[in-house]
Amino acid sequence: MTAPSPQDMALAREARTVGIVLAATIVLWVGAQFVGGEMGWAPRFALLADLAALAGFVWALVVTYRIWRKRRA
């Protein structure tokens, strides 16, 4: 078996980063919703947490698409 190329290693590193960001986004989002509900935070703070999570998900989608395109090239 041959060693992976530097490009494959870079793509794997990017994929790991996407996985970490997705997991962290989900945990933080669920945590913010729970804490906000327990502490009676205003709905605008829930919206802020939702928008931050949405930004993390969009970023992960864009990077995943870029990885997919690089693998096809």
C-alpha atoms as a PDB file:
ATOM      1  CA  MET A   1       0.000   0.000   0.000  1.00  0.00           C
ATOM      2  CA  THR A   2       1.322   3.443  -0.859  1.00  0.00           C
ATOM      3  CA  ALA A   3       1.431   6.401   1.453  1.00  0.00           C
ATOM      4  CA  PRO A   4      -1.293   9.013   0.987  1.00  0.00           C
ATOM      5  CA  SER A   5      -0.345  12.070  -1.006  1.00  0.00           C
ATOM      6  CA  PRO A   6       0.021  15.470   0.670  1.00  0.00           C
ATOM      7  CA  GLN A   7      -3.207  16.549  -1.040  1.00  0.00           C
ATOM      8  CA  ASP A   8      -5.066  13.566   0.458  1.00  0.00           C
ATOM      9  CA  MET A   9      -3.662  14.391   3.882  1.00  0.00           C
ATOM     10  CA  ALA A  10      -4.814  18.023   3.531  1.00  0.00           C
ATOM     11  CA  LEU A  11      -8.308  16.905   2.507  1.00  0.00           C
ATOM     12  CA  ALA A  12      -8.471  14.519   5.462  1.00  0.00           C
ATOM     13  CA  ARG A  13      -7.417  17.328   7.803  1.00  0.00           C
ATOM     14  CA  GLU A  14     -10.163  19.567   6.377  1.00  0.00           C
ATOM     15  CA  ALA A  15     -12.721  16.774   6.765  1.00  0.00           C
ATOM     16  CA  ARG A  16     -11.700  16.273  10.408  1.00  0.00           C
ATOM     17  CA  THR A  17     -12.076  20.003  10.993  1.00  0.00           C
ATOM     18  CA  VAL A  18     -15.574  19.910   9.512  1.00  0.00           C
ATOM     19  CA  GLY A  19     -16.498  17.011  11.780  1.00  0.00           C
ATOM     20  CA  ILE A  20     -15.210  18.801  14.856  1.00  0.00           C
ATOM     21  CA  VAL A  21     -17.039  22.011  13.940  1.00  0.00           C
ATOM     22  CA  LEU A  22     -20.293  20.125  13.334  1.00  0.00           C
ATOM     23  CA  ALA A  23     -20.070  18.270  16.632  1.00  0.00           C
ATOM     24  CA  ALA A  24     -19.164  21.416  18.585  1.00  0.00           C
ATOM     25  CA  THR A  25     -21.927  23.409  16.888  1.00  0.00           C
ATOM     26  CA  ILE A  26     -24.557  20.823  17.764  1.00  0.00           C
ATOM     27  CA  VAL A  27     -23.425  20.505  21.390  1.00  0.00           C
ATOM     28  CA  LEU A  28     -23.207  24.265  21.918  1.00  0.00           C
ATOM     29  CA  TRP A  29     -26.536  24.888  20.199  1.00  0.00           C
ATOM     30  CA  VAL A  30     -28.395  22.277  22.242  1.00  0.00           C
ATOM     31  CA  GLY A  31     -26.648  23.507  25.386  1.00  0.00           C
ATOM     32  CA  ALA A  32     -27.616  27.112  24.705  1.00  0.00           C
ATOM     33  CA  GLN A  33     -31.237  26.104  24.098  1.00  0.00           C
ATOM     34  CA  PHE A  34     -31.355  24.129  27.340  1.00  0.00           C
ATOM     35  CA  VAL A  35     -29.660  26.782  29.461  1.00  0.00           C
ATOM     36  CA  GLY A  36     -31.759  29.525  27.897  1.00  0.00           C
ATOM     37  CA  GLY A  37     -34.953  27.636  28.649  1.00  0.00           C
ATOM     38  CA  GLU A  38     -33.942  26.870  32.225  1.00  0.00           C
ATOM     39  CA  MET A  39     -32.848  30.426  32.981  1.00  0.00           C
ATOM     40  CA  GLY A  40     -35.723  32.126  31.199  1.00  0.00           C
ATOM     41  CA  TRP A  41     -33.625  34.033  28.674  1.00  0.00           C
ATOM     42  CA  ALA A  42     -35.418  36.302  26.227  1.00  0.00           C
ATOM     43  CA  PRO A  43     -36.312  34.774  22.841  1.00  0.00           C
ATOM     44  CA  ARG A  44     -33.820  37.067  21.104  1.00  0.00           C
ATOM     45  CA  PHE A  45     -30.999  35.127  22.766  1.00  0.00           C
ATOM     46  CA  ALA A  46     -32.448  31.863  21.438  1.00  0.00           C
ATOM     47  CA  LEU A  47     -32.555  33.455  17.995  1.00  0.00           C
ATOM     48  CA  LEU A  48     -28.934  34.508  18.381  1.00  0.00           C
ATOM     49  CA  ALA A  49     -27.945  30.935  19.269  1.00  0.00           C
ATOM     50  CA  ASP A  50     -29.942  29.645  16.282  1.00  0.00           C
ATOM     51  CA  LEU A  51     -28.223  32.064  13.911  1.00  0.00           C
ATOM     52  CA  ALA A  52     -24.785  31.156  15.264  1.00  0.00           C
ATOM     53  CA  ALA A  53     -25.563  27.453  14.792  1.00  0.00           C
ATOM     54  CA  LEU A  54     -26.851  28.126  11.302  1.00  0.00           C
ATOM     55  CA  ALA A  55     -23.601  29.913  10.459  1.00  0.00           C
ATOM     56  CA  GLY A  56     -21.615  26.891  11.681  1.00  0.00           C
ATOM     57  CA  PHE A  57     -23.753  24.508   9.626  1.00  0.00           C
ATOM     58  CA  VAL A  58     -23.472  26.644   6.474  1.00  0.00           C
ATOM     59  CA  TRP A  59     -19.698  26.886   6.911  1.00  0.00           C
ATOM     60  CA  ALA A  60     -19.459  23.097   7.263  1.00  0.00           C
ATOM     61  CA  LEU A  61     -21.634  22.590   4.180  1.00  0.00           C
ATOM     62  CA  VAL A  62     -19.489  24.943   2.094  1.00  0.00           C
ATOM     63  CA  VAL A  63     -16.228  23.320   3.197  1.00  0.00           C
ATOM     64  CA  THR A  64     -17.651  19.834   2.624  1.00  0.00           C
ATOM     65  CA  TYR A  65     -18.680  20.874  -0.890  1.00  0.00           C
ATOM     66  CA  ARG A  66     -15.156  22.207  -1.518  1.00  0.00           C
ATOM     67  CA  ILE A  67     -13.655  18.912  -0.309  1.00  0.00           C
ATOM     68  CA  TRP A  68     -16.001  16.963  -2.577  1.00  0.00           C
ATOM     69  CA  ARG A  69     -15.055  19.123  -5.568  1.00  0.00           C
ATOM     70  CA  LYS A  70     -11.319  18.715  -4.861  1.00  0.00           C
ATOM     71  CA  ARG A  71     -11.686  14.923  -4.645  1.00  0.00           C
ATOM     72  CA  ARG A  72     -13.456  14.836  -8.017  1.00  0.00           C
ATOM     73  CA  ALA A  73     -10.758  16.913  -9.730  1.00  0.00           C
END
